[in-house]
PDB file of N, CA and C in Angstrom:
ATOM      1  N   UNK A   1      50.763 -25.820 -42.884  1.00  0.00           N
ATOM      2  CA  UNK A   1      49.594 -26.294 -42.179  1.00  0.00           C
ATOM      3  C   UNK A   1      48.894 -27.416 -42.945  1.00  0.00           C
ATOM      4  N   UNK A   2      48.978 -27.378 -44.257  1.00  0.00           N
ATOM      5  CA  UNK A   2      48.302 -28.414 -45.030  1.00  0.00           C
ATOM      6  C   UNK A   2      48.977 -29.774 -44.825  1.00  0.00           C
ATOM      7  N   UNK A   3      50.277 -29.779 -44.477  1.00  0.00           N
ATOM      8  CA  UNK A   3      50.939 -31.048 -44.178  1.00  0.00           C
ATOM      9  C   UNK A   3      50.302 -31.711 -42.960  1.00  0.00           C
ATOM     10  N   UNK A   4      49.959 -30.919 -41.964  1.00  0.00           N
ATOM     11  CA  UNK A   4      49.329 -31.458 -40.772  1.00  0.00           C
ATOM     12  C   UNK A   4      47.965 -32.043 -41.092  1.00  0.00           C
ATOM     13  N   UNK A   5      47.194 -31.328 -41.890  1.00  0.00           N
ATOM     14  CA  UNK A   5      45.849 -31.800 -42.230  1.00  0.00           C
ATOM     15  C   UNK A   5      45.917 -33.095 -43.024  1.00  0.00           C
ATOM     16  N   UNK A   6      46.799 -33.138 -44.012  1.00  0.00           N
ATOM     17  CA  UNK A   6      46.923 -34.351 -44.820  1.00  0.00           C
ATOM     18  C   UNK A   6      47.466 -35.513 -43.991  1.00  0.00           C
ATOM     19  N   UNK A   7      48.384 -35.253 -43.084  1.00  0.00           N
ATOM     20  CA  UNK A   7      48.914 -36.297 -42.223  1.00  0.00           C
ATOM     21  C   UNK A   7      47.862 -36.857 -41.283  1.00  0.00           C
ATOM     22  N   UNK A   8      47.039 -35.983 -40.730  1.00  0.00           N
ATOM     23  CA  UNK A   8      45.973 -36.429 -39.834  1.00  0.00           C
ATOM     24  C   UNK A   8      44.937 -37.246 -40.605  1.00  0.00           C
ATOM     25  N   UNK A   9      44.582 -36.803 -41.805  1.00  0.00           N
ATOM     26  CA  UNK A   9      43.624 -37.556 -42.616  1.00  0.00           C
ATOM     27  C   UNK A   9      44.179 -38.927 -43.014  1.00  0.00           C
ATOM     28  N   UNK A  10      45.464 -38.988 -43.350  1.00  0.00           N
ATOM     29  CA  UNK A  10      46.077 -40.272 -43.697  1.00  0.00           C
ATOM     30  C   UNK A  10      46.117 -41.194 -42.482  1.00  0.00           C
ATOM     31  N   UNK A  11      46.407 -40.645 -41.317  1.00  0.00           N
ATOM     32  CA  UNK A  11      46.427 -41.458 -40.098  1.00  0.00           C
ATOM     33  C   UNK A  11      45.027 -41.981 -39.774  1.00  0.00           C
ATOM     34  N   UNK A  12      44.023 -41.153 -39.959  1.00  0.00           N
ATOM     35  CA  UNK A  12      42.650 -41.603 -39.727  1.00  0.00           C
ATOM     36  C   UNK A  12      42.246 -42.695 -40.718  1.00  0.00           C
ATOM     37  N   UNK A  13      42.673 -42.554 -41.976  1.00  0.00           N
ATOM     38  CA  UNK A  13      42.391 -43.601 -42.957  1.00  0.00           C
ATOM     39  C   UNK A  13      43.077 -44.902 -42.555  1.00  0.00           C
ATOM     40  N   UNK A  14      44.295 -44.807 -42.037  1.00  0.00           N
ATOM     41  CA  UNK A  14      45.002 -45.988 -41.574  1.00  0.00           C
ATOM     42  C   UNK A  14      44.284 -46.663 -40.415  1.00  0.00           C
ATOM     43  N   UNK A  15      43.767 -45.862 -39.490  1.00  0.00           N
ATOM     44  CA  UNK A  15      43.016 -46.432 -38.371  1.00  0.00           C
ATOM     45  C   UNK A  15      41.727 -47.081 -38.844  1.00  0.00           C
ATOM     46  N   UNK A  16      41.041 -46.449 -39.773  1.00  0.00           N
ATOM     47  CA  UNK A  16      39.821 -47.045 -40.330  1.00  0.00           C
ATOM     48  C   UNK A  16      40.159 -48.373 -40.994  1.00  0.00           C
ATOM     49  N   UNK A  17      41.274 -48.410 -41.703  1.00  0.00           N
ATOM     50  CA  UNK A  17      41.702 -49.650 -42.338  1.00  0.00           C
ATOM     51  C   UNK A  17      41.977 -50.748 -41.328  1.00  0.00           C
ATOM     52  N   UNK A  18      42.608 -50.393 -40.206  1.00  0.00           N
ATOM     53  CA  UNK A  18      42.863 -51.400 -39.171  1.00  0.00           C
ATOM     54  C   UNK A  18      41.577 -51.909 -38.546  1.00  0.00           C
ATOM     55  N   UNK A  19      40.616 -51.014 -38.327  1.00  0.00           N
ATOM     56  CA  UNK A  19      39.329 -51.452 -37.792  1.00  0.00           C
ATOM     57  C   UNK A  19      38.586 -52.332 -38.788  1.00  0.00           C
ATOM     58  N   UNK A  20      38.685 -51.982 -40.073  1.00  0.00           N
ATOM     59  CA  UNK A  20      38.055 -52.818 -41.089  1.00  0.00           C
ATOM     60  C   UNK A  20      38.695 -54.204 -41.123  1.00  0.00           C
ATOM     61  N   UNK A  21      40.011 -54.247 -41.074  1.00  0.00           N
ATOM     62  CA  UNK A  21      40.711 -55.537 -41.105  1.00  0.00           C
ATOM     63  C   UNK A  21      40.414 -56.351 -39.846  1.00  0.00           C
ATOM     64  N   UNK A  22      40.271 -55.680 -38.729  1.00  0.00           N
ATOM     65  CA  UNK A  22      39.996 -56.392 -37.485  1.00  0.00           C
ATOM     66  C   UNK A  22      38.599 -56.993 -37.452  1.00  0.00           C
ATOM     67  N   UNK A  23      37.644 -56.358 -38.113  1.00  0.00           N
ATOM     68  CA  UNK A  23      36.270 -56.844 -38.104  1.00  0.00           C
ATOM     69  C   UNK A  23      35.911 -57.614 -39.373  1.00  0.00           C
ATOM     70  N   UNK A  24      36.889 -57.911 -40.188  1.00  0.00           N
ATOM     71  CA  UNK A  24      36.624 -58.560 -41.476  1.00  0.00           C
ATOM     72  C   UNK A  24      36.153 -59.992 -41.287  1.00  0.00           C
ATOM     73  N   UNK A  25      35.220 -60.381 -42.142  1.00  0.00           N
ATOM     74  CA  UNK A  25      34.725 -61.750 -42.135  1.00  0.00           C
ATOM     75  C   UNK A  25      35.109 -62.491 -43.411  1.00  0.00           C
ATOM     76  N   UNK A  26      35.678 -61.746 -44.367  1.00  0.00           N
ATOM     77  CA  UNK A  26      36.156 -62.391 -45.588  1.00  0.00           C
ATOM     78  C   UNK A  26      37.497 -61.780 -45.984  1.00  0.00           C
ATOM     79  N   UNK A  27      38.171 -62.447 -46.921  1.00  0.00           N
ATOM     80  CA  UNK A  27      39.524 -62.037 -47.272  1.00  0.00           C
ATOM     81  C   UNK A  27      39.555 -60.689 -47.992  1.00  0.00           C
ATOM     82  N   UNK A  28      38.527 -60.369 -48.763  1.00  0.00           N
ATOM     83  CA  UNK A  28      38.525 -59.116 -49.515  1.00  0.00           C
ATOM     84  C   UNK A  28      38.580 -57.898 -48.623  1.00  0.00           C
ATOM     85  N   UNK A  29      37.747 -57.884 -47.598  1.00  0.00           N
ATOM     86  CA  UNK A  29      37.728 -56.750 -46.668  1.00  0.00           C
ATOM     87  C   UNK A  29      39.014 -56.725 -45.844  1.00  0.00           C
ATOM     88  N   UNK A  30      39.516 -57.898 -45.492  1.00  0.00           N
ATOM     89  CA  UNK A  30      40.781 -57.955 -44.752  1.00  0.00           C
ATOM     90  C   UNK A  30      41.909 -57.358 -45.572  1.00  0.00           C
ATOM     91  N   UNK A  31      42.003 -57.751 -46.833  1.00  0.00           N
ATOM     92  CA  UNK A  31      43.070 -57.238 -47.696  1.00  0.00           C
ATOM     93  C   UNK A  31      42.912 -55.743 -47.926  1.00  0.00           C
ATOM     94  N   UNK A  32      41.687 -55.287 -48.138  1.00  0.00           N
ATOM     95  CA  UNK A  32      41.459 -53.855 -48.348  1.00  0.00           C
ATOM     96  C   UNK A  32      41.809 -53.059 -47.095  1.00  0.00           C
ATOM     97  N   UNK A  33      41.414 -53.542 -45.935  1.00  0.00           N
ATOM     98  CA  UNK A  33      41.722 -52.848 -44.689  1.00  0.00           C
ATOM     99  C   UNK A  33      43.214 -52.769 -44.418  1.00  0.00           C
ATOM    100  N   UNK A  34      43.910 -53.883 -44.649  1.00  0.00           N
ATOM    101  CA  UNK A  34      45.365 -53.869 -44.453  1.00  0.00           C
ATOM    102  C   UNK A  34      46.052 -52.969 -45.474  1.00  0.00           C
ATOM    103  N   UNK A  35      45.557 -52.979 -46.708  1.00  0.00           N
ATOM    104  CA  UNK A  35      46.115 -52.093 -47.731  1.00  0.00           C
ATOM    105  C   UNK A  35      45.887 -50.635 -47.397  1.00  0.00           C
ATOM    106  N   UNK A  36      44.695 -50.329 -46.882  1.00  0.00           N
ATOM    107  CA  UNK A  36      44.392 -48.950 -46.500  1.00  0.00           C
ATOM    108  C   UNK A  36      45.274 -48.495 -45.340  1.00  0.00           C
ATOM    109  N   UNK A  37      45.502 -49.365 -44.380  1.00  0.00           N
ATOM    110  CA  UNK A  37      46.368 -48.986 -43.259  1.00  0.00           C
ATOM    111  C   UNK A  37      47.825 -48.852 -43.715  1.00  0.00           C
ATOM    112  N   UNK A  38      48.256 -49.719 -44.624  1.00  0.00           N
ATOM    113  CA  UNK A  38      49.611 -49.589 -45.163  1.00  0.00           C
ATOM    114  C   UNK A  38      49.763 -48.279 -45.935  1.00  0.00           C
ATOM    115  N   UNK A  39      48.753 -47.923 -46.714  1.00  0.00           N
ATOM    116  CA  UNK A  39      48.789 -46.644 -47.426  1.00  0.00           C
ATOM    117  C   UNK A  39      48.877 -45.477 -46.448  1.00  0.00           C
ATOM    118  N   UNK A  40      48.117 -45.529 -45.363  1.00  0.00           N
ATOM    119  CA  UNK A  40      48.157 -44.456 -44.370  1.00  0.00           C
ATOM    120  C   UNK A  40      49.533 -44.293 -43.753  1.00  0.00           C
ATOM    121  N   UNK A  41      50.166 -45.404 -43.414  1.00  0.00           N
ATOM    122  CA  UNK A  41      51.504 -45.361 -42.809  1.00  0.00           C
ATOM    123  C   UNK A  41      52.526 -44.817 -43.806  1.00  0.00           C
ATOM    124  N   UNK A  42      52.504 -45.336 -45.028  1.00  0.00           N
ATOM    125  CA  UNK A  42      53.469 -44.884 -46.031  1.00  0.00           C
ATOM    126  C   UNK A  42      53.260 -43.417 -46.397  1.00  0.00           C
ATOM    127  N   UNK A  43      52.016 -42.983 -46.454  1.00  0.00           N
ATOM    128  CA  UNK A  43      51.748 -41.581 -46.768  1.00  0.00           C
ATOM    129  C   UNK A  43      52.231 -40.664 -45.651  1.00  0.00           C
ATOM    130  N   UNK A  44      52.051 -41.093 -44.404  1.00  0.00           N
ATOM    131  CA  UNK A  44      52.555 -40.278 -43.283  1.00  0.00           C
ATOM    132  C   UNK A  44      54.076 -40.196 -43.319  1.00  0.00           C
ATOM    133  N   UNK A  45      54.743 -41.313 -43.627  1.00  0.00           N
ATOM    134  CA  UNK A  45      56.202 -41.270 -43.769  1.00  0.00           C
ATOM    135  C   UNK A  45      56.616 -40.335 -44.896  1.00  0.00           C
ATOM    136  N   UNK A  46      55.889 -40.356 -45.997  1.00  0.00           N
ATOM    137  CA  UNK A  46      56.196 -39.454 -47.109  1.00  0.00           C
ATOM    138  C   UNK A  46      56.007 -37.999 -46.697  1.00  0.00           C
ATOM    139  N   UNK A  47      54.973 -37.714 -45.931  1.00  0.00           N
ATOM    140  CA  UNK A  47      54.748 -36.336 -45.486  1.00  0.00           C
ATOM    141  C   UNK A  47      55.859 -35.881 -44.540  1.00  0.00           C
ATOM    142  N   UNK A  48      56.337 -36.759 -43.670  1.00  0.00           N
ATOM    143  CA  UNK A  48      57.437 -36.420 -42.769  1.00  0.00           C
ATOM    144  C   UNK A  48      58.704 -36.159 -43.575  1.00  0.00           C
ATOM    145  N   UNK A  49      58.982 -37.000 -44.566  1.00  0.00           N
ATOM    146  CA  UNK A  49      60.154 -36.822 -45.414  1.00  0.00           C
ATOM    147  C   UNK A  49      60.078 -35.492 -46.163  1.00  0.00           C
ATOM    148  N   UNK A  50      58.913 -35.167 -46.686  1.00  0.00           N
ATOM    149  CA  UNK A  50      58.730 -33.918 -47.417  1.00  0.00           C
ATOM    150  C   UNK A  50      58.972 -32.713 -46.512  1.00  0.00           C
ATOM    151  N   UNK A  51      58.481 -32.774 -45.290  1.00  0.00           N
ATOM    152  CA  UNK A  51      58.670 -31.659 -44.359  1.00  0.00           C
ATOM    153  C   UNK A  51      60.146 -31.485 -44.007  1.00  0.00           C
ATOM    154  N   UNK A  52      60.868 -32.588 -43.786  1.00  0.00           N
ATOM    155  CA  UNK A  52      62.291 -32.485 -43.475  1.00  0.00           C
ATOM    156  C   UNK A  52      63.093 -32.002 -44.682  1.00  0.00           C
ATOM    157  N   UNK A  53      62.726 -32.451 -45.886  1.00  0.00           N
ATOM    158  CA  UNK A  53      63.410 -31.972 -47.086  1.00  0.00           C
ATOM    159  C   UNK A  53      63.207 -30.483 -47.278  1.00  0.00           C
ATOM    160  N   UNK A  54      61.989 -30.017 -47.020  1.00  0.00           N
ATOM    161  CA  UNK A  54      61.707 -28.588 -47.160  1.00  0.00           C
ATOM    162  C   UNK A  54      62.473 -27.778 -46.118  1.00  0.00           C
ATOM    163  N   UNK A  55      62.548 -28.270 -44.882  1.00  0.00           N
ATOM    164  CA  UNK A  55      63.296 -27.564 -43.833  1.00  0.00           C
ATOM    165  C   UNK A  55      64.782 -27.539 -44.160  1.00  0.00           C
ATOM    166  N   UNK A  56      65.296 -28.637 -44.681  1.00  0.00           N
ATOM    167  CA  UNK A  56      66.711 -28.682 -45.061  1.00  0.00           C
ATOM    168  C   UNK A  56      67.015 -27.721 -46.212  1.00  0.00           C
ATOM    169  N   UNK A  57      66.096 -27.631 -47.158  1.00  0.00           N
ATOM    170  CA  UNK A  57      66.273 -26.737 -48.295  1.00  0.00           C
ATOM    171  C   UNK A  57      66.286 -25.268 -47.855  1.00  0.00           C
ATOM    172  N   UNK A  58      65.374 -24.901 -46.962  1.00  0.00           N
ATOM    173  CA  UNK A  58      65.339 -23.526 -46.499  1.00  0.00           C
ATOM    174  C   UNK A  58      66.557 -23.199 -45.631  1.00  0.00           C
ATOM    175  N   UNK A  59      67.069 -24.193 -44.894  1.00  0.00           N
ATOM    176  CA  UNK A  59      68.265 -23.957 -44.077  1.00  0.00           C
ATOM    177  C   UNK A  59      69.494 -23.754 -44.964  1.00  0.00           C
ATOM    178  N   UNK A  60      69.569 -24.493 -46.055  1.00  0.00           N
ATOM    179  CA  UNK A  60      70.727 -24.354 -46.941  1.00  0.00           C
ATOM    180  C   UNK A  60      70.640 -23.066 -47.758  1.00  0.00           C
ATOM    181  N   UNK A  61      69.450 -22.582 -48.036  1.00  0.00           N
ATOM    182  CA  UNK A  61      69.299 -21.325 -48.769  1.00  0.00           C
ATOM    183  C   UNK A  61      69.617 -20.115 -47.915  1.00  0.00           C
ATOM    184  N   UNK A  62      69.448 -20.216 -46.607  1.00  0.00           N
ATOM    185  CA  UNK A  62      69.692 -19.079 -45.728  1.00  0.00           C
ATOM    186  C   UNK A  62      71.165 -18.889 -45.413  1.00  0.00           C
ATOM    187  N   UNK A  63      72.007 -19.851 -45.772  1.00  0.00           N
ATOM    188  CA  UNK A  63      73.451 -19.731 -45.491  1.00  0.00           C
ATOM    189  C   UNK A  63      74.128 -18.821 -46.472  1.00  0.00           C
TER     190      UNK A  63
END
């Protein structure tokens, strides 16, 4: 269940980053917003990979 919570929080951070980048008036906020959204996407991919690795591990242990 904690994977879901962390994934949702990372996705929300990514959305906040996109909104920040979209409303940016200077390069600093634009770069920070894009970096935050990139972090959110990469973290969600990492959480998906971790969940699949854990499922694969439990499937191989049950054989």
